[in-house]
Amino acid sequence: MEFIKEQKKMLIGLGMCILLYAIMKIFMHTDINIIGPFYLVVIQKICIDAMLALGLNLITGITGQFSLGHAGFMAIGAYTVGLMHKVIPISLDTNIFIILFIILIATIAGGIFGVFIAIPTVRLRGDYLAIATLGFAEIIRITIQNVNQGFLGGSSGLLGWAKYTNFELVFFGLILCYLVCYNFIHSSFGRASISVREDEIAAETMGVALTKTKLIAFTIGTMMAGFAGALYAGNVGFIAPKDFGFLKSIEILMIVVIGGLGNINGTIIAAIVVNLVSTWLQDYAELRMIIYALVLILIMLFKSADSKFFRMARNSLGQFFQRVKP
């Protein structure tokens, strides 16, 4: 009975996503032009960041593995596209199935590197795992930066392929990532991952294979990062090592924390909020990062601070939504 309820909720959610897609396509129509080229770029970035955050939430929020190397796996996906472009040139006339094949290869590459880094590190916990994954991301970035320039472009980066990422790819790609996370959480592996997050010793006592569970979650999360990296490469048409530095990993982690560890709905909302705040502050170049940081601090205080003021503010907001709830 519970399974049927979950499937109904998922079907309703899919129906709402299709309706949202139809509304946004109408808004993008040239005669209406509510969503112009600038905001289309912002929407595509939101979707890519949300995919990255969903993958990291699967690792950090659901399984409790503190990873700081997600930008490295994103780089694997993006540079796989760059290397594939040397074999199968990507132009505006390239068949969509070839593009999907290249994206699939980039996704698998992210997962393979995820397995390589997970096997020696999943037995680590907390800060030790964070340092190991951060080290891996930096190794990837520095290797790309210093390898033969004709192969990976070095610090100058790679370019030359057509911008194949469009609204349909990022929108339905995000839905696919959401469905993967949703079904994972409600599967036996998902419940095992949550038990590992809560108490590893108790989970192992109850028969949960800790290494296998962590490895599966880590691999799926890194595959999503590779997928997002491939879409990012097709969105900008140019990639460089500086795009995948430590700050990118922190930005993704920030979205996960703001949305709530283990909360996949909150992750998407947080990706929207963080990107919109960053976009709206572009007109204030000198103060942008200061205001941006203050806004994020206020969001986190409102979300989880234990002082009387913030508790009252959260209660008031909750009561408001209860009144307006249909």
Protein backbone atom coordinates (compact mmCIF):
# COMPACT_ATOMS: atom_id res chain seq x y z
CA MET A 1 0.00 0.00 0.00
CA GLU A 2 2.82 2.39 0.88
CA PHE A 3 4.51 1.59 -2.46
CA ILE A 4 1.32 2.48 -4.38
CA LYS A 5 1.06 5.81 -2.52
CA GLU A 6 4.67 6.65 -3.36
CA GLN A 7 4.10 5.81 -7.04
CA LYS A 8 0.99 8.00 -7.12
CA LYS A 9 2.94 10.89 -5.60
CA MET A 10 5.67 10.39 -8.18
CA LEU A 11 3.16 10.37 -11.08
CA ILE A 12 1.53 13.56 -9.76
CA GLY A 13 4.97 15.16 -9.52
CA LEU A 14 5.79 14.15 -13.10
CA GLY A 15 2.48 15.62 -14.27
CA MET A 16 3.31 18.92 -12.54
CA CYS A 17 6.78 18.93 -14.14
CA ILE A 18 5.26 18.47 -17.61
CA LEU A 19 2.81 21.30 -16.90
CA LEU A 20 5.69 23.52 -15.71
CA TYR A 21 7.64 22.67 -18.88
CA ALA A 22 4.67 23.66 -21.07
CA ILE A 23 4.19 26.97 -19.20
CA MET A 24 7.89 27.85 -19.48
CA LYS A 25 7.95 27.05 -23.19
CA ILE A 26 4.99 29.40 -23.66
CA PHE A 27 6.85 32.12 -21.72
CA MET A 28 9.90 31.57 -23.96
CA HIS A 29 7.89 31.99 -27.15
CA THR A 30 9.16 34.93 -29.20
CA ASP A 31 5.72 36.58 -29.32
CA ILE A 32 5.44 36.56 -25.51
CA ASN A 33 9.18 36.70 -24.60
CA ILE A 34 8.71 36.77 -20.81
CA ILE A 35 11.78 34.54 -20.44
CA GLY A 36 14.45 36.08 -22.69
CA PRO A 37 17.92 34.75 -23.60
CA PHE A 38 19.51 36.09 -20.39
CA TYR A 39 17.07 34.37 -18.03
CA LEU A 40 17.21 31.22 -20.15
CA VAL A 41 20.97 31.05 -19.39
CA VAL A 42 20.20 31.56 -15.67
CA ILE A 43 17.56 28.77 -15.75
CA GLN A 44 20.00 26.38 -17.41
CA LYS A 45 22.66 27.15 -14.78
CA ILE A 46 20.10 26.58 -12.01
CA CYS A 47 19.24 23.15 -13.43
CA ILE A 48 22.92 22.14 -13.77
CA ASP A 49 23.72 23.29 -10.21
CA ALA A 50 20.63 21.44 -8.93
CA MET A 51 21.84 18.21 -10.59
CA LEU A 52 25.27 18.61 -8.97
CA ALA A 53 23.68 19.31 -5.58
CA LEU A 54 21.33 16.30 -5.86
CA GLY A 55 24.33 14.06 -6.51
CA LEU A 56 26.23 15.53 -3.56
CA ASN A 57 23.14 15.27 -1.33
CA LEU A 58 23.00 11.56 -2.13
CA ILE A 59 26.59 11.24 -0.87
CA THR A 60 26.60 13.74 2.02
CA GLY A 61 22.96 14.17 3.01
CA ILE A 62 21.63 10.63 2.57
CA THR A 63 24.70 8.49 3.28
CA GLY A 64 26.60 10.88 5.56
CA GLN A 65 29.89 10.92 3.61
CA PHE A 66 31.41 14.40 3.81
CA SER A 67 32.75 14.97 0.29
CA LEU A 68 34.50 18.14 -0.91
CA GLY A 69 35.55 16.88 -4.35
CA HIS A 70 32.37 17.13 -6.38
CA ALA A 71 33.82 19.73 -8.75
CA GLY A 72 36.51 17.18 -9.71
CA PHE A 73 33.89 14.70 -10.92
CA MET A 74 32.12 17.52 -12.76
CA ALA A 75 35.45 18.25 -14.49
CA ILE A 76 35.72 14.57 -15.54
CA GLY A 77 32.33 14.83 -17.29
CA ALA A 78 33.14 18.16 -18.94
CA TYR A 79 36.59 17.11 -20.19
CA THR A 80 35.21 13.80 -21.46
CA VAL A 81 33.04 15.90 -23.78
CA GLY A 82 36.13 17.86 -24.84
CA LEU A 83 38.02 14.64 -25.64
CA MET A 84 35.03 13.07 -27.42
CA HIS A 85 34.79 16.22 -29.56
CA LYS A 86 38.23 15.37 -30.98
CA VAL A 87 36.84 11.99 -32.12
CA ILE A 88 33.24 12.97 -32.95
CA PRO A 89 33.14 16.70 -33.80
CA ILE A 90 30.10 18.35 -32.19
CA SER A 91 28.43 20.92 -34.43
CA LEU A 92 24.95 22.41 -34.68
CA ASP A 93 24.11 19.68 -37.23
CA THR A 94 25.17 16.81 -34.95
CA ASN A 95 22.43 14.25 -34.42
CA ILE A 96 20.78 14.45 -30.98
CA PHE A 97 21.41 10.72 -30.42
CA ILE A 98 25.16 11.26 -30.89
CA ILE A 99 25.04 14.10 -28.35
CA LEU A 100 23.13 11.88 -25.90
CA PHE A 101 25.73 9.15 -26.46
CA ILE A 102 28.55 11.60 -25.62
CA ILE A 103 26.68 12.72 -22.49
CA LEU A 104 26.22 9.04 -21.52
CA ILE A 105 29.98 8.40 -21.90
CA ALA A 106 30.71 11.48 -19.72
CA THR A 107 28.25 10.22 -17.09
CA ILE A 108 29.87 6.77 -17.03
CA ALA A 109 33.33 8.38 -16.82
CA GLY A 110 32.23 10.32 -13.73
CA GLY A 111 30.99 7.06 -12.17
CA ILE A 112 34.20 5.15 -13.00
CA PHE A 113 36.38 7.81 -11.38
CA GLY A 114 33.91 7.80 -8.48
CA VAL A 115 34.53 4.08 -7.97
CA PHE A 116 38.31 4.61 -8.15
CA ILE A 117 38.26 7.26 -5.44
CA ALA A 118 35.56 5.53 -3.35
CA ILE A 119 37.29 2.15 -3.02
CA PRO A 120 40.21 3.48 -0.92
CA THR A 121 38.31 6.30 0.81
CA VAL A 122 34.81 5.05 1.80
CA ARG A 123 36.24 3.50 4.94
CA LEU A 124 37.26 6.98 6.06
CA ARG A 125 34.89 9.15 8.08
CA GLY A 126 34.16 12.84 8.57
CA ASP A 127 37.06 15.24 8.04
CA TYR A 128 39.38 12.53 6.73
CA LEU A 129 37.02 11.69 3.86
CA ALA A 130 36.54 15.41 3.11
CA ILE A 131 40.32 15.93 2.87
CA ALA A 132 40.74 12.85 0.66
CA THR A 133 38.01 13.91 -1.80
CA LEU A 134 39.27 17.50 -1.81
CA GLY A 135 42.75 16.19 -2.61
CA PHE A 136 41.34 14.13 -5.47
CA ALA A 137 39.55 17.17 -6.97
CA GLU A 138 42.74 19.23 -6.78
CA ILE A 139 44.76 16.41 -8.38
CA ILE A 140 42.29 16.35 -11.29
CA ARG A 141 42.41 20.13 -11.73
CA ILE A 142 46.20 20.40 -11.52
CA THR A 143 46.71 17.42 -13.83
CA ILE A 144 44.44 18.98 -16.45
CA GLN A 145 46.22 22.30 -16.03
CA ASN A 146 49.72 20.87 -16.51
CA VAL A 147 49.19 18.09 -19.04
CA ASN A 148 50.12 18.52 -22.72
CA GLN A 149 48.29 21.64 -23.97
CA GLY A 150 47.32 20.03 -27.27
CA PHE A 151 45.57 17.19 -25.41
CA LEU A 152 43.55 18.84 -22.62
CA GLY A 153 44.27 22.49 -23.33
CA GLY A 154 46.28 23.11 -20.18
CA SER A 155 45.42 26.27 -18.25
CA SER A 156 44.02 27.82 -21.45
CA GLY A 157 41.18 25.29 -21.53
CA LEU A 158 39.33 23.55 -24.35
CA LEU A 159 36.82 24.95 -26.83
CA GLY A 160 35.51 24.41 -30.34
CA TRP A 161 32.29 22.40 -29.96
CA ALA A 162 28.80 23.75 -30.55
CA LYS A 163 26.67 24.77 -27.57
CA TYR A 164 24.41 21.72 -27.67
CA THR A 165 22.84 22.12 -24.21
CA ASN A 166 19.32 23.52 -24.46
CA PHE A 167 16.38 23.99 -22.11
CA GLU A 168 14.96 20.54 -22.86
CA LEU A 169 18.22 18.76 -22.00
CA VAL A 170 18.71 20.50 -18.65
CA PHE A 171 15.03 20.41 -17.64
CA PHE A 172 14.47 16.72 -18.34
CA GLY A 173 18.00 15.93 -17.13
CA LEU A 174 17.10 17.48 -13.78
CA ILE A 175 13.88 15.47 -13.65
CA LEU A 176 15.88 12.30 -14.39
CA CYS A 177 18.35 13.06 -11.57
CA TYR A 178 15.47 13.82 -9.20
CA LEU A 179 13.76 10.51 -10.05
CA VAL A 180 17.02 8.62 -9.49
CA CYS A 181 17.42 10.24 -6.05
CA TYR A 182 13.76 9.78 -5.14
CA ASN A 183 13.72 6.08 -6.06
CA PHE A 184 17.10 5.51 -4.41
CA ILE A 185 15.89 7.00 -1.12
CA HIS A 186 12.76 4.81 -1.16
CA SER A 187 14.66 1.64 -2.09
CA SER A 188 16.34 -0.88 0.21
CA PHE A 189 19.73 0.67 -0.67
CA GLY A 190 18.38 4.09 0.27
CA ARG A 191 17.14 2.90 3.65
CA ALA A 192 20.49 1.20 4.23
CA SER A 193 22.27 4.47 3.34
CA ILE A 194 20.15 6.43 5.82
CA SER A 195 20.91 3.87 8.53
CA VAL A 196 24.65 4.25 7.76
CA ARG A 197 24.31 8.02 8.12
CA GLU A 198 22.53 7.72 11.46
CA ASP A 199 24.78 5.13 13.11
CA GLU A 200 27.34 3.01 11.28
CA ILE A 201 27.88 0.58 14.15
CA ALA A 202 24.15 -0.09 14.57
CA ALA A 203 23.70 -0.43 10.80
CA GLU A 204 26.53 -2.95 10.56
CA THR A 205 25.09 -4.87 13.52
CA MET A 206 21.77 -5.15 11.65
CA GLY A 207 23.54 -6.64 8.62
CA VAL A 208 24.08 -3.57 6.42
CA ALA A 209 27.20 -3.87 4.23
CA LEU A 210 28.80 -0.49 4.98
CA THR A 211 31.41 -0.46 2.21
CA LYS A 212 28.98 -1.64 -0.48
CA THR A 213 26.30 0.85 0.56
CA LYS A 214 28.69 3.79 0.60
CA LEU A 215 30.24 2.71 -2.70
CA ILE A 216 26.86 2.55 -4.47
CA ALA A 217 25.76 5.96 -3.17
CA PHE A 218 29.12 7.54 -4.00
CA THR A 219 29.11 6.10 -7.54
CA ILE A 220 25.57 7.30 -8.31
CA GLY A 221 26.39 10.76 -6.92
CA THR A 222 29.56 11.05 -9.04
CA MET A 223 27.71 9.85 -12.14
CA MET A 224 25.30 12.76 -11.65
CA ALA A 225 28.30 15.09 -11.38
CA GLY A 226 29.69 13.71 -14.65
CA PHE A 227 26.27 14.16 -16.27
CA ALA A 228 26.05 17.76 -15.05
CA GLY A 229 29.63 18.40 -16.22
CA ALA A 230 28.73 17.23 -19.75
CA LEU A 231 25.71 19.57 -19.81
CA TYR A 232 27.86 22.40 -18.46
CA ALA A 233 30.40 21.89 -21.28
CA GLY A 234 27.57 22.05 -23.82
CA ASN A 235 26.09 25.10 -22.12
CA VAL A 236 29.19 27.32 -22.27
CA GLY A 237 31.13 25.78 -25.21
CA PHE A 238 34.40 26.31 -23.32
CA ILE A 239 35.97 24.70 -20.27
CA ALA A 240 39.09 25.52 -18.24
CA PRO A 241 40.58 24.11 -15.00
CA LYS A 242 39.61 27.26 -13.06
CA ASP A 243 35.91 26.38 -13.59
CA PHE A 244 36.30 23.30 -11.37
CA GLY A 245 38.25 24.59 -8.40
CA PHE A 246 37.67 24.29 -4.66
CA LEU A 247 35.16 27.18 -4.65
CA LYS A 248 32.87 25.27 -7.03
CA SER A 249 32.77 22.32 -4.63
CA ILE A 250 31.97 24.72 -1.77
CA GLU A 251 29.19 26.35 -3.81
CA ILE A 252 27.58 22.95 -4.42
CA LEU A 253 27.95 21.98 -0.75
CA MET A 254 26.40 25.33 0.23
CA ILE A 255 23.30 24.56 -1.88
CA VAL A 256 22.99 21.15 -0.21
CA VAL A 257 23.28 22.62 3.31
CA ILE A 258 20.83 25.47 2.64
CA GLY A 259 18.31 23.06 1.11
CA GLY A 260 18.71 20.61 3.98
CA LEU A 261 20.87 17.50 4.24
CA GLY A 262 18.87 14.61 2.79
CA ASN A 263 16.10 16.87 1.49
CA ILE A 264 16.01 16.57 -2.32
CA ASN A 265 13.09 19.00 -2.72
CA GLY A 266 14.93 21.57 -0.61
CA THR A 267 18.05 21.08 -2.74
CA ILE A 268 16.26 22.24 -5.89
CA ILE A 269 14.71 25.22 -4.08
CA ALA A 270 18.13 26.17 -2.65
CA ALA A 271 19.71 25.99 -6.14
CA ILE A 272 17.06 28.41 -7.41
CA VAL A 273 17.48 30.81 -4.46
CA VAL A 274 21.30 30.84 -4.52
CA ASN A 275 21.49 31.43 -8.29
CA LEU A 276 18.79 34.12 -8.30
CA VAL A 277 20.47 36.00 -5.43
CA SER A 278 23.81 35.81 -7.27
CA THR A 279 22.18 37.05 -10.51
CA TRP A 280 20.32 39.95 -8.89
CA LEU A 281 23.52 41.14 -7.21
CA GLN A 282 25.47 41.40 -10.48
CA ASP A 283 24.65 45.12 -10.72
CA TYR A 284 26.55 45.71 -7.46
CA ALA A 285 29.97 44.46 -8.54
CA GLU A 286 31.97 46.08 -5.70
CA LEU A 287 29.69 44.90 -2.90
CA ARG A 288 28.36 41.75 -4.58
CA MET A 289 30.32 39.14 -2.62
CA ILE A 290 29.78 40.94 0.71
CA ILE A 291 26.00 41.19 0.19
CA TYR A 292 25.90 37.62 -1.17
CA ALA A 293 27.68 36.28 1.93
CA LEU A 294 25.39 38.26 4.28
CA VAL A 295 22.27 36.96 2.50
CA LEU A 296 23.51 33.36 2.83
CA ILE A 297 24.29 33.87 6.53
CA LEU A 298 20.77 35.25 7.10
CA ILE A 299 19.24 32.30 5.23
CA MET A 300 21.17 29.83 7.40
CA LEU A 301 20.28 31.69 10.61
CA PHE A 302 16.60 31.79 9.66
CA LYS A 303 16.71 28.10 8.75
CA SER A 304 18.42 26.69 11.83
CA ALA A 305 19.35 29.30 14.45
CA ASP A 306 18.08 28.46 17.95
CA SER A 307 17.58 32.00 19.27
CA LYS A 308 14.11 33.19 20.34
CA PHE A 309 13.81 35.67 17.45
CA PHE A 310 14.50 33.13 14.70
CA ARG A 311 12.28 30.48 16.34
CA MET A 312 9.40 32.99 16.39
CA ALA A 313 10.10 33.96 12.76
CA ARG A 314 10.02 30.29 11.65
CA ASN A 315 6.81 29.64 13.59
CA SER A 316 5.14 32.73 12.12
CA LEU A 317 6.09 31.70 8.60
CA GLY A 318 4.83 28.16 9.21
CA GLN A 319 1.49 29.46 10.50
CA PHE A 320 1.18 31.75 7.47
CA PHE A 321 1.63 28.84 5.05
CA GLN A 322 -0.87 26.77 7.03
CA ARG A 323 -3.48 29.52 6.57
CA VAL A 324 -2.91 29.92 2.84
CA LYS A 325 -2.67 26.18 2.23
CA PRO A 326 -5.59 25.09 0.03
